[in-house]
Amino acid sequence: MIYGETLFHLGVGVMCGAAALGVLSGVIFAVTGKRLQKTLDEEYGKKRR
């Protein structure tokens, strides 16, 4: 019984860690994307749509 419960809690911990890393990655990519867009706009001008 303890083995199954341990696996359950380990799985929940892994999922929480993956969710936290996903949120962190999203924030990092948003910040670096804005910085990259600003650099590209300065070098090549605004994107024509």
C-alpha atoms as a PDB file:
ATOM      1  CA  MET A   1       0.000   0.000   0.000  1.00  0.00           C
ATOM      2  CA  ILE A   2       2.814   2.441   0.798  1.00  0.00           C
ATOM      3  CA  TYR A   3       4.462   1.743  -2.582  1.00  0.00           C
ATOM      4  CA  GLY A   4       1.371   2.805  -4.549  1.00  0.00           C
ATOM      5  CA  GLU A   5       0.843   5.878  -2.424  1.00  0.00           C
ATOM      6  CA  THR A   6       4.474   6.888  -2.873  1.00  0.00           C
ATOM      7  CA  LEU A   7       4.168   6.521  -6.641  1.00  0.00           C
ATOM      8  CA  PHE A   8       1.014   8.632  -6.599  1.00  0.00           C
ATOM      9  CA  HIS A   9       2.672  11.464  -4.660  1.00  0.00           C
ATOM     10  CA  LEU A  10       5.781  11.247  -6.814  1.00  0.00           C
ATOM     11  CA  GLY A  11       3.617  11.552  -9.940  1.00  0.00           C
ATOM     12  CA  VAL A  12       1.796  14.565  -8.530  1.00  0.00           C
ATOM     13  CA  GLY A  13       5.139  16.165  -7.685  1.00  0.00           C
ATOM     14  CA  VAL A  14       6.487  15.548 -11.182  1.00  0.00           C
ATOM     15  CA  MET A  15       3.357  17.063 -12.754  1.00  0.00           C
ATOM     16  CA  CYS A  16       3.584  20.148 -10.512  1.00  0.00           C
ATOM     17  CA  GLY A  17       7.254  20.539 -11.420  1.00  0.00           C
ATOM     18  CA  ALA A  18       6.460  20.251 -15.128  1.00  0.00           C
ATOM     19  CA  ALA A  19       3.701  22.849 -14.816  1.00  0.00           C
ATOM     20  CA  ALA A  20       6.023  25.231 -12.949  1.00  0.00           C
ATOM     21  CA  LEU A  21       8.730  24.803 -15.589  1.00  0.00           C
ATOM     22  CA  GLY A  22       6.154  25.414 -18.325  1.00  0.00           C
ATOM     23  CA  VAL A  23       5.062  28.692 -16.743  1.00  0.00           C
ATOM     24  CA  LEU A  24       8.674  29.748 -16.209  1.00  0.00           C
ATOM     25  CA  SER A  25       9.550  28.928 -19.826  1.00  0.00           C
ATOM     26  CA  GLY A  26       6.561  30.924 -21.064  1.00  0.00           C
ATOM     27  CA  VAL A  27       7.641  33.978 -19.096  1.00  0.00           C
ATOM     28  CA  ILE A  28      11.241  33.697 -20.288  1.00  0.00           C
ATOM     29  CA  PHE A  29      10.215  33.281 -23.940  1.00  0.00           C
ATOM     30  CA  ALA A  30       7.815  36.236 -23.706  1.00  0.00           C
ATOM     31  CA  VAL A  31      10.532  38.522 -22.338  1.00  0.00           C
ATOM     32  CA  THR A  32      13.235  37.404 -24.761  1.00  0.00           C
ATOM     33  CA  GLY A  33      10.758  37.531 -27.665  1.00  0.00           C
ATOM     34  CA  LYS A  34       9.920  41.163 -26.946  1.00  0.00           C
ATOM     35  CA  ARG A  35      13.607  42.015 -26.706  1.00  0.00           C
ATOM     36  CA  LEU A  36      14.337  40.209 -29.974  1.00  0.00           C
ATOM     37  CA  GLN A  37      11.429  41.954 -31.715  1.00  0.00           C
ATOM     38  CA  LYS A  38      12.723  45.333 -30.539  1.00  0.00           C
ATOM     39  CA  THR A  39      16.213  44.546 -31.845  1.00  0.00           C
ATOM     40  CA  LEU A  40      14.870  43.361 -35.204  1.00  0.00           C
ATOM     41  CA  ASP A  41      12.683  46.464 -35.531  1.00  0.00           C
ATOM     42  CA  GLU A  42      15.709  48.690 -34.889  1.00  0.00           C
ATOM     43  CA  GLU A  43      17.879  46.882 -37.430  1.00  0.00           C
ATOM     44  CA  TYR A  44      15.379  46.165 -40.212  1.00  0.00           C
ATOM     45  CA  GLY A  45      12.431  48.462 -39.543  1.00  0.00           C
ATOM     46  CA  LYS A  46       8.857  47.599 -38.640  1.00  0.00           C
ATOM     47  CA  LYS A  47       7.312  44.513 -40.201  1.00  0.00           C
ATOM     48  CA  ARG A  48       4.988  45.289 -43.119  1.00  0.00           C
ATOM     49  CA  ARG A  49       1.685  43.442 -42.883  1.00  0.00           C
END
